[in-house]
Amino acid sequence: MLVGFKVEANDGSIGKIVRHSDQVGSAYIVVDTGVWIFGKDVLLPAGVIERVDTSEQKVYVSRTKDEIKDAPEFDKDKHLGDSDYHQRLGSYYQRPRG
């Protein structure tokens, strides 16, 4: 269970996991960013997770804070079951970085 784990981007902490799914084809984590981006939640596809440190209860993701902040806006009431949103988000994270 990853709920409650802290999430670390390449350049620092972004918040804590409040929900996760390990459903094949649409695995993700939902992160409460607290005050970092005005208390919004962000959805991160499982593909951006680099590693999970269970002893420190941290999940490390392969993106910067800015990349996460600039992702398509997430509304948990609208987007959790929205396959179009998941596809848009997947495309965002698969685009070339740099």
N, C-alpha and C. Protein backbone atom coordinates (compact mmCIF):
# COMPACT_ATOMS: atom_id res chain seq x y z
N MET A 1 0.84 -1.18 0.00
CA MET A 1 0.00 0.00 0.00
C MET A 1 0.89 1.24 0.00
N LEU A 2 0.73 2.10 -0.99
CA LEU A 2 1.57 3.28 -1.13
C LEU A 2 0.96 4.55 -0.53
N VAL A 3 -0.30 4.50 -0.14
CA VAL A 3 -0.95 5.69 0.42
C VAL A 3 -0.16 6.17 1.64
N GLY A 4 0.13 7.48 1.65
CA GLY A 4 0.90 8.07 2.74
C GLY A 4 2.38 8.21 2.44
N PHE A 5 2.88 7.50 1.41
CA PHE A 5 4.29 7.63 1.05
C PHE A 5 4.55 9.03 0.50
N LYS A 6 5.73 9.57 0.78
CA LYS A 6 6.14 10.85 0.21
C LYS A 6 6.61 10.62 -1.23
N VAL A 7 6.45 11.65 -2.06
CA VAL A 7 6.86 11.54 -3.46
C VAL A 7 7.96 12.56 -3.73
N GLU A 8 9.06 12.07 -4.30
CA GLU A 8 10.23 12.89 -4.59
C GLU A 8 10.42 13.00 -6.10
N ALA A 9 10.38 14.23 -6.61
CA ALA A 9 10.72 14.49 -8.01
C ALA A 9 12.25 14.57 -8.11
N ASN A 10 12.77 14.77 -9.32
CA ASN A 10 14.21 14.89 -9.49
C ASN A 10 14.81 16.04 -8.69
N ASP A 11 13.99 17.07 -8.44
CA ASP A 11 14.50 18.27 -7.78
C ASP A 11 13.78 18.59 -6.46
N GLY A 12 13.25 17.58 -5.79
CA GLY A 12 12.68 17.80 -4.47
C GLY A 12 11.32 17.16 -4.27
N SER A 13 10.83 17.30 -3.06
CA SER A 13 9.58 16.69 -2.65
C SER A 13 8.38 17.40 -3.29
N ILE A 14 7.37 16.60 -3.69
CA ILE A 14 6.17 17.21 -4.26
C ILE A 14 4.91 16.92 -3.46
N GLY A 15 4.96 16.02 -2.49
CA GLY A 15 3.78 15.76 -1.68
C GLY A 15 3.69 14.31 -1.25
N LYS A 16 2.44 13.89 -0.92
CA LYS A 16 2.19 12.54 -0.43
C LYS A 16 1.13 11.86 -1.28
N ILE A 17 1.26 10.55 -1.40
CA ILE A 17 0.29 9.76 -2.15
C ILE A 17 -1.00 9.64 -1.35
N VAL A 18 -2.12 9.98 -2.01
CA VAL A 18 -3.43 9.86 -1.36
C VAL A 18 -4.27 8.75 -1.97
N ARG A 19 -3.83 8.24 -3.11
CA ARG A 19 -4.56 7.16 -3.79
C ARG A 19 -3.64 6.52 -4.81
N HIS A 20 -3.86 5.25 -5.09
CA HIS A 20 -3.10 4.60 -6.16
C HIS A 20 -3.92 3.48 -6.77
N SER A 21 -3.54 3.14 -7.98
CA SER A 21 -4.18 2.04 -8.69
C SER A 21 -3.08 1.21 -9.33
N ASP A 22 -3.24 -0.09 -9.27
CA ASP A 22 -2.28 -0.97 -9.95
C ASP A 22 -2.99 -1.74 -11.07
N GLN A 23 -4.06 -1.16 -11.56
CA GLN A 23 -4.83 -1.76 -12.65
C GLN A 23 -3.98 -1.83 -13.91
N VAL A 24 -3.92 -2.99 -14.52
CA VAL A 24 -3.12 -3.18 -15.72
C VAL A 24 -3.57 -2.20 -16.80
N GLY A 25 -2.62 -1.49 -17.38
CA GLY A 25 -2.92 -0.56 -18.46
C GLY A 25 -3.23 0.85 -18.01
N SER A 26 -3.52 1.04 -16.72
CA SER A 26 -3.81 2.39 -16.25
C SER A 26 -3.37 2.58 -14.80
N ALA A 27 -2.21 2.04 -14.45
CA ALA A 27 -1.70 2.20 -13.10
C ALA A 27 -1.24 3.64 -12.89
N TYR A 28 -1.52 4.16 -11.69
CA TYR A 28 -1.18 5.55 -11.40
C TYR A 28 -1.08 5.77 -9.90
N ILE A 29 -0.55 6.94 -9.54
CA ILE A 29 -0.62 7.43 -8.17
C ILE A 29 -1.22 8.82 -8.20
N VAL A 30 -1.98 9.17 -7.16
CA VAL A 30 -2.51 10.51 -7.00
C VAL A 30 -1.77 11.13 -5.82
N VAL A 31 -1.18 12.31 -6.08
CA VAL A 31 -0.34 12.97 -5.08
C VAL A 31 -0.99 14.27 -4.63
N ASP A 32 -1.14 14.42 -3.31
CA ASP A 32 -1.60 15.68 -2.73
C ASP A 32 -0.37 16.56 -2.61
N THR A 33 -0.35 17.67 -3.35
CA THR A 33 0.83 18.53 -3.39
C THR A 33 0.87 19.55 -2.26
N GLY A 34 -0.14 19.56 -1.42
CA GLY A 34 -0.16 20.52 -0.32
C GLY A 34 -0.08 21.94 -0.84
N VAL A 35 0.76 22.76 -0.25
CA VAL A 35 0.85 24.16 -0.67
C VAL A 35 1.74 24.36 -1.89
N TRP A 36 2.44 23.31 -2.31
CA TRP A 36 3.39 23.45 -3.41
C TRP A 36 2.72 23.99 -4.67
N ILE A 37 1.62 23.40 -5.11
CA ILE A 37 0.86 24.00 -6.23
C ILE A 37 -0.58 24.23 -5.76
N PHE A 38 -0.68 25.05 -4.75
CA PHE A 38 -1.97 25.53 -4.25
C PHE A 38 -2.90 24.41 -3.79
N GLY A 39 -2.35 23.38 -3.19
CA GLY A 39 -3.16 22.33 -2.60
C GLY A 39 -3.85 21.41 -3.58
N LYS A 40 -3.39 21.39 -4.82
CA LYS A 40 -4.02 20.54 -5.83
C LYS A 40 -3.45 19.12 -5.78
N ASP A 41 -4.25 18.19 -6.26
CA ASP A 41 -3.78 16.83 -6.45
C ASP A 41 -3.28 16.70 -7.87
N VAL A 42 -2.28 15.84 -8.06
CA VAL A 42 -1.80 15.52 -9.41
C VAL A 42 -1.84 14.01 -9.59
N LEU A 43 -2.10 13.59 -10.80
CA LEU A 43 -2.10 12.18 -11.13
C LEU A 43 -0.83 11.89 -11.92
N LEU A 44 -0.08 10.89 -11.49
CA LEU A 44 1.15 10.51 -12.18
C LEU A 44 1.02 9.06 -12.64
N PRO A 45 1.25 8.81 -13.93
CA PRO A 45 1.21 7.43 -14.41
C PRO A 45 2.37 6.62 -13.81
N ALA A 46 2.13 5.34 -13.63
CA ALA A 46 3.13 4.48 -13.02
C ALA A 46 4.45 4.49 -13.77
N GLY A 47 4.42 4.77 -15.06
CA GLY A 47 5.64 4.78 -15.87
C GLY A 47 6.67 5.81 -15.46
N VAL A 48 6.29 6.82 -14.68
CA VAL A 48 7.26 7.83 -14.25
C VAL A 48 7.92 7.45 -12.92
N ILE A 49 7.45 6.37 -12.29
CA ILE A 49 8.04 5.94 -11.02
C ILE A 49 9.37 5.25 -11.30
N GLU A 50 10.44 5.77 -10.68
CA GLU A 50 11.77 5.16 -10.83
C GLU A 50 11.98 4.05 -9.82
N ARG A 51 11.62 4.34 -8.56
CA ARG A 51 11.79 3.33 -7.52
C ARG A 51 10.93 3.67 -6.31
N VAL A 52 10.70 2.65 -5.50
CA VAL A 52 9.95 2.80 -4.27
C VAL A 52 10.86 2.36 -3.13
N ASP A 53 11.04 3.22 -2.15
CA ASP A 53 11.85 2.91 -0.98
C ASP A 53 10.90 2.68 0.19
N THR A 54 10.63 1.40 0.49
CA THR A 54 9.66 1.10 1.53
C THR A 54 10.18 1.44 2.93
N SER A 55 11.48 1.38 3.13
CA SER A 55 12.02 1.71 4.46
C SER A 55 11.87 3.19 4.77
N GLU A 56 12.01 4.05 3.76
CA GLU A 56 11.84 5.49 3.96
C GLU A 56 10.42 5.96 3.63
N GLN A 57 9.60 5.05 3.11
CA GLN A 57 8.24 5.35 2.66
C GLN A 57 8.24 6.52 1.67
N LYS A 58 9.08 6.36 0.63
CA LYS A 58 9.20 7.37 -0.42
C LYS A 58 9.10 6.71 -1.79
N VAL A 59 8.48 7.44 -2.71
CA VAL A 59 8.40 7.03 -4.11
C VAL A 59 9.16 8.08 -4.91
N TYR A 60 10.10 7.64 -5.72
CA TYR A 60 10.92 8.55 -6.53
C TYR A 60 10.42 8.51 -7.97
N VAL A 61 10.15 9.70 -8.52
CA VAL A 61 9.66 9.79 -9.90
C VAL A 61 10.70 10.48 -10.78
N SER A 62 10.67 10.14 -12.06
CA SER A 62 11.69 10.60 -13.00
C SER A 62 11.29 11.89 -13.72
N ARG A 63 10.74 12.82 -12.99
CA ARG A 63 10.33 14.11 -13.54
C ARG A 63 10.69 15.23 -12.58
N THR A 64 10.77 16.45 -13.12
CA THR A 64 11.04 17.61 -12.27
C THR A 64 9.71 18.16 -11.75
N LYS A 65 9.82 19.03 -10.77
CA LYS A 65 8.62 19.69 -10.24
C LYS A 65 7.90 20.46 -11.33
N ASP A 66 8.64 21.17 -12.18
CA ASP A 66 8.01 21.94 -13.25
C ASP A 66 7.27 21.05 -14.24
N GLU A 67 7.87 19.90 -14.59
CA GLU A 67 7.20 18.98 -15.51
C GLU A 67 5.88 18.50 -14.92
N ILE A 68 5.88 18.23 -13.63
CA ILE A 68 4.67 17.76 -12.96
C ILE A 68 3.65 18.89 -12.86
N LYS A 69 4.12 20.08 -12.50
CA LYS A 69 3.22 21.23 -12.36
C LYS A 69 2.58 21.59 -13.69
N ASP A 70 3.28 21.40 -14.81
CA ASP A 70 2.78 21.77 -16.13
C ASP A 70 1.94 20.68 -16.80
N ALA A 71 1.76 19.54 -16.14
CA ALA A 71 0.96 18.45 -16.70
C ALA A 71 -0.50 18.87 -16.81
N PRO A 72 -1.28 18.17 -17.65
CA PRO A 72 -2.71 18.49 -17.73
C PRO A 72 -3.34 18.48 -16.33
N GLU A 73 -4.15 19.50 -16.06
CA GLU A 73 -4.75 19.65 -14.74
C GLU A 73 -5.61 18.44 -14.39
N PHE A 74 -5.53 18.02 -13.15
CA PHE A 74 -6.24 16.83 -12.67
C PHE A 74 -7.37 17.22 -11.73
N ASP A 75 -8.56 16.70 -12.01
CA ASP A 75 -9.72 16.88 -11.13
C ASP A 75 -10.20 15.49 -10.77
N LYS A 76 -10.01 15.09 -9.52
CA LYS A 76 -10.31 13.71 -9.14
C LYS A 76 -11.76 13.33 -9.38
N ASP A 77 -12.68 14.29 -9.31
CA ASP A 77 -14.09 13.99 -9.54
C ASP A 77 -14.40 13.73 -11.01
N LYS A 78 -13.58 14.27 -11.91
CA LYS A 78 -13.82 14.11 -13.34
C LYS A 78 -12.89 13.09 -14.00
N HIS A 79 -11.65 13.00 -13.55
CA HIS A 79 -10.62 12.34 -14.34
C HIS A 79 -10.21 10.93 -13.93
N LEU A 80 -10.60 10.45 -12.76
CA LEU A 80 -10.14 9.12 -12.35
C LEU A 80 -10.56 8.03 -13.33
N GLY A 81 -11.78 8.06 -13.81
CA GLY A 81 -12.24 7.03 -14.73
C GLY A 81 -12.29 7.49 -16.18
N ASP A 82 -11.68 8.62 -16.48
CA ASP A 82 -11.76 9.23 -17.82
C ASP A 82 -10.60 8.75 -18.68
N SER A 83 -10.89 7.84 -19.63
CA SER A 83 -9.82 7.27 -20.45
C SER A 83 -9.19 8.33 -21.35
N ASP A 84 -9.96 9.33 -21.80
CA ASP A 84 -9.38 10.40 -22.62
C ASP A 84 -8.34 11.19 -21.83
N TYR A 85 -8.65 11.48 -20.58
CA TYR A 85 -7.71 12.20 -19.73
C TYR A 85 -6.44 11.37 -19.52
N HIS A 86 -6.61 10.09 -19.22
CA HIS A 86 -5.45 9.21 -19.01
C HIS A 86 -4.58 9.16 -20.27
N GLN A 87 -5.20 9.14 -21.43
CA GLN A 87 -4.45 9.13 -22.69
C GLN A 87 -3.69 10.45 -22.88
N ARG A 88 -4.36 11.57 -22.60
CA ARG A 88 -3.72 12.88 -22.71
C ARG A 88 -2.55 12.99 -21.75
N LEU A 89 -2.74 12.51 -20.53
CA LEU A 89 -1.68 12.55 -19.53
C LEU A 89 -0.51 11.64 -19.95
N GLY A 90 -0.83 10.46 -20.46
CA GLY A 90 0.21 9.55 -20.93
C GLY A 90 1.01 10.17 -22.06
N SER A 91 0.35 10.84 -22.98
CA SER A 91 1.04 11.51 -24.08
C SER A 91 1.95 12.61 -23.56
N TYR A 92 1.48 13.35 -22.56
CA TYR A 92 2.29 14.43 -21.96
C TYR A 92 3.59 13.86 -21.39
N TYR A 93 3.50 12.79 -20.63
CA TYR A 93 4.69 12.22 -19.99
C TYR A 93 5.57 11.43 -20.94
N GLN A 94 5.06 11.04 -22.11
CA GLN A 94 5.87 10.31 -23.08
C GLN A 94 6.59 11.21 -24.07
N ARG A 95 6.23 12.48 -24.08
CA ARG A 95 6.86 13.39 -25.04
C ARG A 95 8.35 13.55 -24.72
N PRO A 96 9.15 13.89 -25.71
CA PRO A 96 10.58 14.09 -25.46
C PRO A 96 10.81 15.19 -24.42
N ARG A 97 11.77 14.96 -23.56
CA ARG A 97 12.09 15.93 -22.51
C ARG A 97 13.31 16.72 -22.91
N GLY A 98 13.42 17.91 -22.32
CA GLY A 98 14.64 18.66 -22.56
C GLY A 98 14.36 20.03 -22.91
